[in-house]
Amino acid sequence: MKIKDLEVGDRCRLTGYDKGVGEYRQKLLAMGLIRGAEFVITRKAPLGDPIEIKLSSFSLTLRKNEADAVEVEIIQA
């Protein structure tokens, strides 16, 4: 599942990255988006770009291309 398919308030866990997105992968790893990281979707722009997530104690805004590189699963609370 992709971040763009989620709604505001959804809690999810990063499961991996798409193949062939090496330029985004390194940048996202440096920002703390590692496998198993849990976050909440806090805001989405009307057209879906950008998307803001809350990861640990900080908020992170992702552009559409960056968000499309991330594979996630929804956490059932």
PDB file of N, CA and C in Angstrom:
ATOM      1  N   MET A   1       0.846  -1.170   0.000  1.00  0.00           N
ATOM      2  CA  MET A   1       0.000   0.000   0.000  1.00  0.00           C
ATOM      3  C   MET A   1       0.895   1.238   0.000  1.00  0.00           C
ATOM      4  N   LYS A   2       0.420   2.295  -0.617  1.00  0.00           N
ATOM      5  CA  LYS A   2       1.168   3.545  -0.714  1.00  0.00           C
ATOM      6  C   LYS A   2       0.582   4.593   0.223  1.00  0.00           C
ATOM      7  N   ILE A   3       1.396   5.565   0.605  1.00  0.00           N
ATOM      8  CA  ILE A   3       0.949   6.640   1.485  1.00  0.00           C
ATOM      9  C   ILE A   3      -0.197   7.421   0.842  1.00  0.00           C
ATOM     10  N   LYS A   4      -0.173   7.586  -0.467  1.00  0.00           N
ATOM     11  CA  LYS A   4      -1.225   8.359  -1.146  1.00  0.00           C
ATOM     12  C   LYS A   4      -2.597   7.709  -1.000  1.00  0.00           C
ATOM     13  N   ASP A   5      -2.650   6.413  -0.698  1.00  0.00           N
ATOM     14  CA  ASP A   5      -3.913   5.701  -0.540  1.00  0.00           C
ATOM     15  C   ASP A   5      -4.500   5.839   0.865  1.00  0.00           C
ATOM     16  N   LEU A   6      -3.758   6.454   1.787  1.00  0.00           N
ATOM     17  CA  LEU A   6      -4.193   6.567   3.172  1.00  0.00           C
ATOM     18  C   LEU A   6      -4.938   7.870   3.421  1.00  0.00           C
ATOM     19  N   GLU A   7      -5.671   7.908   4.517  1.00  0.00           N
ATOM     20  CA  GLU A   7      -6.426   9.089   4.908  1.00  0.00           C
ATOM     21  C   GLU A   7      -5.766   9.747   6.113  1.00  0.00           C
ATOM     22  N   VAL A   8      -6.086  11.013   6.347  1.00  0.00           N
ATOM     23  CA  VAL A   8      -5.581  11.724   7.516  1.00  0.00           C
ATOM     24  C   VAL A   8      -6.041  10.984   8.772  1.00  0.00           C
ATOM     25  N   GLY A   9      -5.112  10.781   9.689  1.00  0.00           N
ATOM     26  CA  GLY A   9      -5.399  10.071  10.928  1.00  0.00           C
ATOM     27  C   GLY A   9      -5.026   8.596  10.902  1.00  0.00           C
ATOM     28  N   ASP A  10      -4.745   8.055   9.720  1.00  0.00           N
ATOM     29  CA  ASP A  10      -4.338   6.644   9.622  1.00  0.00           C
ATOM     30  C   ASP A  10      -2.959   6.461  10.232  1.00  0.00           C
ATOM     31  N   ARG A  11      -2.818   5.395  11.012  1.00  0.00           N
ATOM     32  CA  ARG A  11      -1.542   5.031  11.618  1.00  0.00           C
ATOM     33  C   ARG A  11      -0.974   3.876  10.801  1.00  0.00           C
ATOM     34  N   CYS A  12       0.292   3.990  10.425  1.00  0.00           N
ATOM     35  CA  CYS A  12       0.873   2.954   9.580  1.00  0.00           C
ATOM     36  C   CYS A  12       2.334   2.688   9.919  1.00  0.00           C
ATOM     37  N   ARG A  13       2.855   1.635   9.318  1.00  0.00           N
ATOM     38  CA  ARG A  13       4.240   1.193   9.532  1.00  0.00           C
ATOM     39  C   ARG A  13       4.900   1.046   8.173  1.00  0.00           C
ATOM     40  N   LEU A  14       6.120   1.539   8.060  1.00  0.00           N
ATOM     41  CA  LEU A  14       6.881   1.426   6.818  1.00  0.00           C
ATOM     42  C   LEU A  14       7.343  -0.015   6.644  1.00  0.00           C
ATOM     43  N   THR A  15       7.043  -0.601   5.497  1.00  0.00           N
ATOM     44  CA  THR A  15       7.434  -1.988   5.246  1.00  0.00           C
ATOM     45  C   THR A  15       8.579  -2.105   4.251  1.00  0.00           C
ATOM     46  N   GLY A  16       8.834  -1.047   3.484  1.00  0.00           N
ATOM     47  CA  GLY A  16       9.931  -1.095   2.525  1.00  0.00           C
ATOM     48  C   GLY A  16       9.829   0.019   1.501  1.00  0.00           C
ATOM     49  N   TYR A  17      10.663  -0.088   0.483  1.00  0.00           N
ATOM     50  CA  TYR A  17      10.715   0.896  -0.587  1.00  0.00           C
ATOM     51  C   TYR A  17      10.552   0.203  -1.925  1.00  0.00           C
ATOM     52  N   ASP A  18       9.987   0.915  -2.897  1.00  0.00           N
ATOM     53  CA  ASP A  18       9.902   0.398  -4.264  1.00  0.00           C
ATOM     54  C   ASP A  18      11.303   0.242  -4.830  1.00  0.00           C
ATOM     55  N   LYS A  19      11.457  -0.719  -5.711  1.00  0.00           N
ATOM     56  CA  LYS A  19      12.739  -0.878  -6.397  1.00  0.00           C
ATOM     57  C   LYS A  19      12.891   0.239  -7.424  1.00  0.00           C
ATOM     58  N   GLY A  20      14.099   0.693  -7.630  1.00  0.00           N
ATOM     59  CA  GLY A  20      14.361   1.716  -8.628  1.00  0.00           C
ATOM     60  C   GLY A  20      14.159   3.145  -8.145  1.00  0.00           C
ATOM     61  N   VAL A  21      14.102   3.337  -6.832  1.00  0.00           N
ATOM     62  CA  VAL A  21      13.929   4.699  -6.297  1.00  0.00           C
ATOM     63  C   VAL A  21      15.092   5.038  -5.378  1.00  0.00           C
ATOM     64  N   GLY A  22      16.274   4.678  -5.786  1.00  0.00           N
ATOM     65  CA  GLY A  22      17.465   4.866  -4.971  1.00  0.00           C
ATOM     66  C   GLY A  22      17.711   6.302  -4.534  1.00  0.00           C
ATOM     67  N   GLU A  23      17.404   7.270  -5.417  1.00  0.00           N
ATOM     68  CA  GLU A  23      17.651   8.665  -5.060  1.00  0.00           C
ATOM     69  C   GLU A  23      16.753   9.118  -3.918  1.00  0.00           C
ATOM     70  N   TYR A  24      15.529   8.635  -3.867  1.00  0.00           N
ATOM     71  CA  TYR A  24      14.627   8.996  -2.772  1.00  0.00           C
ATOM     72  C   TYR A  24      14.901   8.149  -1.530  1.00  0.00           C
ATOM     73  N   ARG A  25      15.261   6.907  -1.736  1.00  0.00           N
ATOM     74  CA  ARG A  25      15.470   5.978  -0.615  1.00  0.00           C
ATOM     75  C   ARG A  25      16.525   6.497   0.353  1.00  0.00           C
ATOM     76  N   GLN A  26      17.662   6.916  -0.150  1.00  0.00           N
ATOM     77  CA  GLN A  26      18.741   7.402   0.714  1.00  0.00           C
ATOM     78  C   GLN A  26      18.315   8.645   1.481  1.00  0.00           C
ATOM     79  N   LYS A  27      17.608   9.544   0.809  1.00  0.00           N
ATOM     80  CA  LYS A  27      17.134  10.770   1.456  1.00  0.00           C
ATOM     81  C   LYS A  27      16.135  10.449   2.574  1.00  0.00           C
ATOM     82  N   LEU A  28      15.205   9.548   2.312  1.00  0.00           N
ATOM     83  CA  LEU A  28      14.186   9.190   3.298  1.00  0.00           C
ATOM     84  C   LEU A  28      14.782   8.424   4.474  1.00  0.00           C
ATOM     85  N   LEU A  29      15.743   7.569   4.213  1.00  0.00           N
ATOM     86  CA  LEU A  29      16.425   6.862   5.298  1.00  0.00           C
ATOM     87  C   LEU A  29      17.138   7.855   6.213  1.00  0.00           C
ATOM     88  N   ALA A  30      17.758   8.858   5.634  1.00  0.00           N
ATOM     89  CA  ALA A  30      18.457   9.875   6.421  1.00  0.00           C
ATOM     90  C   ALA A  30      17.490  10.679   7.293  1.00  0.00           C
ATOM     91  N   MET A  31      16.228  10.784   6.869  1.00  0.00           N
ATOM     92  CA  MET A  31      15.229  11.523   7.628  1.00  0.00           C
ATOM     93  C   MET A  31      14.525  10.664   8.677  1.00  0.00           C
ATOM     94  N   GLY A  32      14.909   9.394   8.789  1.00  0.00           N
ATOM     95  CA  GLY A  32      14.339   8.534   9.827  1.00  0.00           C
ATOM     96  C   GLY A  32      13.279   7.566   9.360  1.00  0.00           C
ATOM     97  N   LEU A  33      13.001   7.520   8.075  1.00  0.00           N
ATOM     98  CA  LEU A  33      12.010   6.577   7.560  1.00  0.00           C
ATOM     99  C   LEU A  33      12.674   5.230   7.275  1.00  0.00           C
ATOM    100  N   ILE A  34      12.885   4.486   8.345  1.00  0.00           N
ATOM    101  CA  ILE A  34      13.508   3.169   8.235  1.00  0.00           C
ATOM    102  C   ILE A  34      12.430   2.095   8.316  1.00  0.00           C
ATOM    103  N   ARG A  35      12.757   0.911   7.873  1.00  0.00           N
ATOM    104  CA  ARG A  35      11.798  -0.196   7.913  1.00  0.00           C
ATOM    105  C   ARG A  35      11.320  -0.412   9.350  1.00  0.00           C
ATOM    106  N   GLY A  36      10.012  -0.499   9.519  1.00  0.00           N
ATOM    107  CA  GLY A  36       9.424  -0.692  10.837  1.00  0.00           C
ATOM    108  C   GLY A  36       9.022   0.596  11.538  1.00  0.00           C
ATOM    109  N   ALA A  37       9.418   1.749  10.984  1.00  0.00           N
ATOM    110  CA  ALA A  37       9.057   3.038  11.592  1.00  0.00           C
ATOM    111  C   ALA A  37       7.541   3.228  11.520  1.00  0.00           C
ATOM    112  N   GLU A  38       6.953   3.671  12.622  1.00  0.00           N
ATOM    113  CA  GLU A  38       5.520   3.918  12.674  1.00  0.00           C
ATOM    114  C   GLU A  38       5.257   5.412  12.627  1.00  0.00           C
ATOM    115  N   PHE A  39       4.223   5.799  11.912  1.00  0.00           N
ATOM    116  CA  PHE A  39       3.869   7.208  11.791  1.00  0.00           C
ATOM    117  C   PHE A  39       2.378   7.362  11.545  1.00  0.00           C
ATOM    118  N   VAL A  40       1.914   8.620  11.666  1.00  0.00           N
ATOM    119  CA  VAL A  40       0.509   8.964  11.467  1.00  0.00           C
ATOM    120  C   VAL A  40       0.427  10.002  10.350  1.00  0.00           C
ATOM    121  N   ILE A  41      -0.550   9.857   9.476  1.00  0.00           N
ATOM    122  CA  ILE A  41      -0.799  10.851   8.443  1.00  0.00           C
ATOM    123  C   ILE A  41      -1.509  12.019   9.125  1.00  0.00           C
ATOM    124  N   THR A  42      -0.892  13.205   9.128  1.00  0.00           N
ATOM    125  CA  THR A  42      -1.481  14.351   9.818  1.00  0.00           C
ATOM    126  C   THR A  42      -2.155  15.345   8.874  1.00  0.00           C
ATOM    127  N   ARG A  43      -1.658  15.478   7.657  1.00  0.00           N
ATOM    128  CA  ARG A  43      -2.266  16.410   6.693  1.00  0.00           C
ATOM    129  C   ARG A  43      -1.994  15.960   5.269  1.00  0.00           C
ATOM    130  N   LYS A  44      -2.962  16.264   4.402  1.00  0.00           N
ATOM    131  CA  LYS A  44      -2.788  16.027   2.970  1.00  0.00           C
ATOM    132  C   LYS A  44      -3.302  17.258   2.230  1.00  0.00           C
ATOM    133  N   ALA A  45      -2.557  17.704   1.265  1.00  0.00           N
ATOM    134  CA  ALA A  45      -3.008  18.812   0.432  1.00  0.00           C
ATOM    135  C   ALA A  45      -4.193  18.330  -0.413  1.00  0.00           C
ATOM    136  N   PRO A  46      -5.036  19.237  -0.868  1.00  0.00           N
ATOM    137  CA  PRO A  46      -6.216  18.845  -1.639  1.00  0.00           C
ATOM    138  C   PRO A  46      -5.916  17.948  -2.847  1.00  0.00           C
ATOM    139  N   LEU A  47      -4.816  18.170  -3.507  1.00  0.00           N
ATOM    140  CA  LEU A  47      -4.470  17.333  -4.659  1.00  0.00           C
ATOM    141  C   LEU A  47      -3.482  16.217  -4.299  1.00  0.00           C
ATOM    142  N   GLY A  48      -3.221  16.028  -2.998  1.00  0.00           N
ATOM    143  CA  GLY A  48      -2.362  14.935  -2.552  1.00  0.00           C
ATOM    144  C   GLY A  48      -0.872  15.234  -2.543  1.00  0.00           C
ATOM    145  N   ASP A  49      -0.494  16.468  -2.767  1.00  0.00           N
ATOM    146  CA  ASP A  49       0.925  16.809  -2.786  1.00  0.00           C
ATOM    147  C   ASP A  49       1.111  18.188  -2.157  1.00  0.00           C
ATOM    148  N   PRO A  50       1.747  18.309  -1.038  1.00  0.00           N
ATOM    149  CA  PRO A  50       2.488  17.317  -0.258  1.00  0.00           C
ATOM    150  C   PRO A  50       1.617  16.615   0.794  1.00  0.00           C
ATOM    151  N   ILE A  51       2.241  15.665   1.489  1.00  0.00           N
ATOM    152  CA  ILE A  51       1.613  14.912   2.570  1.00  0.00           C
ATOM    153  C   ILE A  51       2.481  15.081   3.805  1.00  0.00           C
ATOM    154  N   GLU A  52       1.859  15.391   4.936  1.00  0.00           N
ATOM    155  CA  GLU A  52       2.610  15.554   6.184  1.00  0.00           C
ATOM    156  C   GLU A  52       2.365  14.341   7.076  1.00  0.00           C
ATOM    157  N   ILE A  53       3.452  13.814   7.637  1.00  0.00           N
ATOM    158  CA  ILE A  53       3.347  12.687   8.566  1.00  0.00           C
ATOM    159  C   ILE A  53       4.001  13.067   9.888  1.00  0.00           C
ATOM    160  N   LYS A  54       3.547  12.445  10.954  1.00  0.00           N
ATOM    161  CA  LYS A  54       4.158  12.635  12.277  1.00  0.00           C
ATOM    162  C   LYS A  54       4.940  11.371  12.584  1.00  0.00           C
ATOM    163  N   LEU A  55       6.229  11.524  12.689  1.00  0.00           N
ATOM    164  CA  LEU A  55       7.159  10.411  12.899  1.00  0.00           C
ATOM    165  C   LEU A  55       7.928  10.688  14.176  1.00  0.00           C
ATOM    166  N   SER A  56       7.770   9.828  15.176  1.00  0.00           N
ATOM    167  CA  SER A  56       8.393  10.031  16.488  1.00  0.00           C
ATOM    168  C   SER A  56       7.965  11.374  17.049  1.00  0.00           C
ATOM    169  N   SER A  57       8.902  12.279  17.243  1.00  0.00           N
ATOM    170  CA  SER A  57       8.576  13.570  17.862  1.00  0.00           C
ATOM    171  C   SER A  57       8.625  14.726  16.867  1.00  0.00           C
ATOM    172  N   PHE A  58       8.636  14.426  15.566  1.00  0.00           N
ATOM    173  CA  PHE A  58       8.693  15.510  14.590  1.00  0.00           C
ATOM    174  C   PHE A  58       7.753  15.247  13.419  1.00  0.00           C
ATOM    175  N   SER A  59       7.432  16.318  12.720  1.00  0.00           N
ATOM    176  CA  SER A  59       6.597  16.220  11.528  1.00  0.00           C
ATOM    177  C   SER A  59       7.487  16.274  10.297  1.00  0.00           C
ATOM    178  N   LEU A  60       7.097  15.530   9.288  1.00  0.00           N
ATOM    179  CA  LEU A  60       7.871  15.439   8.062  1.00  0.00           C
ATOM    180  C   LEU A  60       6.917  15.611   6.881  1.00  0.00           C
ATOM    181  N   THR A  61       7.266  16.468   5.958  1.00  0.00           N
ATOM    182  CA  THR A  61       6.438  16.691   4.777  1.00  0.00           C
ATOM    183  C   THR A  61       7.098  16.019   3.583  1.00  0.00           C
ATOM    184  N   LEU A  62       6.307  15.192   2.890  1.00  0.00           N
ATOM    185  CA  LEU A  62       6.814  14.443   1.745  1.00  0.00           C
ATOM    186  C   LEU A  62       6.145  14.912   0.461  1.00  0.00           C
ATOM    187  N   ARG A  63       6.933  15.078  -0.576  1.00  0.00           N
ATOM    188  CA  ARG A  63       6.394  15.367  -1.895  1.00  0.00           C
ATOM    189  C   ARG A  63       5.803  14.076  -2.461  1.00  0.00           C
ATOM    190  N   LYS A  64       5.016  14.187  -3.496  1.00  0.00           N
ATOM    191  CA  LYS A  64       4.335  13.034  -4.070  1.00  0.00           C
ATOM    192  C   LYS A  64       5.321  11.951  -4.513  1.00  0.00           C
ATOM    193  N   ASN A  65       6.398  12.353  -5.188  1.00  0.00           N
ATOM    194  CA  ASN A  65       7.383  11.369  -5.656  1.00  0.00           C
ATOM    195  C   ASN A  65       8.037  10.631  -4.500  1.00  0.00           C
ATOM    196  N   GLU A  66       8.323  11.339  -3.412  1.00  0.00           N
ATOM    197  CA  GLU A  66       8.929  10.705  -2.241  1.00  0.00           C
ATOM    198  C   GLU A  66       7.943   9.752  -1.587  1.00  0.00           C
ATOM    199  N   ALA A  67       6.694  10.195  -1.446  1.00  0.00           N
ATOM    200  CA  ALA A  67       5.668   9.356  -0.814  1.00  0.00           C
ATOM    201  C   ALA A  67       5.386   8.101  -1.642  1.00  0.00           C
ATOM    202  N   ASP A  68       5.453   8.205  -2.968  1.00  0.00           N
ATOM    203  CA  ASP A  68       5.212   7.042  -3.827  1.00  0.00           C
ATOM    204  C   ASP A  68       6.305   5.994  -3.716  1.00  0.00           C
ATOM    205  N   ALA A  69       7.471   6.368  -3.227  1.00  0.00           N
ATOM    206  CA  ALA A  69       8.577   5.426  -3.090  1.00  0.00           C
ATOM    207  C   ALA A  69       8.426   4.533  -1.862  1.00  0.00           C
ATOM    208  N   VAL A  70       7.535   4.918  -0.941  1.00  0.00           N
ATOM    209  CA  VAL A  70       7.391   4.230   0.347  1.00  0.00           C
ATOM    210  C   VAL A  70       6.239   3.239   0.321  1.00  0.00           C
ATOM    211  N   GLU A  71       6.492   2.035   0.817  1.00  0.00           N
ATOM    212  CA  GLU A  71       5.439   1.018   0.971  1.00  0.00           C
ATOM    213  C   GLU A  71       5.109   0.917   2.455  1.00  0.00           C
ATOM    214  N   VAL A  72       3.807   0.902   2.772  1.00  0.00           N
ATOM    215  CA  VAL A  72       3.366   0.889   4.168  1.00  0.00           C
ATOM    216  C   VAL A  72       2.258  -0.146   4.387  1.00  0.00           C
ATOM    217  N   GLU A  73       2.009  -0.416   5.676  1.00  0.00           N
ATOM    218  CA  GLU A  73       0.849  -1.209   6.067  1.00  0.00           C
ATOM    219  C   GLU A  73       0.130  -0.447   7.170  1.00  0.00           C
ATOM    220  N   ILE A  74      -1.190  -0.539   7.188  1.00  0.00           N
ATOM    221  CA  ILE A  74      -1.976   0.141   8.208  1.00  0.00           C
ATOM    222  C   ILE A  74      -1.897  -0.668   9.489  1.00  0.00           C
ATOM    223  N   ILE A  75      -1.750   0.061  10.606  1.00  0.00           N
ATOM    224  CA  ILE A  75      -1.731  -0.571  11.932  1.00  0.00           C
ATOM    225  C   ILE A  75      -3.125  -0.467  12.512  1.00  0.00           C
ATOM    226  N   GLN A  76      -3.690  -1.586  12.857  1.00  0.00           N
ATOM    227  CA  GLN A  76      -5.023  -1.605  13.476  1.00  0.00           C
ATOM    228  C   GLN A  76      -4.886  -1.305  14.946  1.00  0.00           C
ATOM    229  N   ALA A  77      -5.491  -0.220  15.394  1.00  0.00           N
ATOM    230  CA  ALA A  77      -5.386   0.194  16.806  1.00  0.00           C
ATOM    231  C   ALA A  77      -6.497  -0.371  17.635  1.00  0.00           C
TER     232      ALA A  77
END
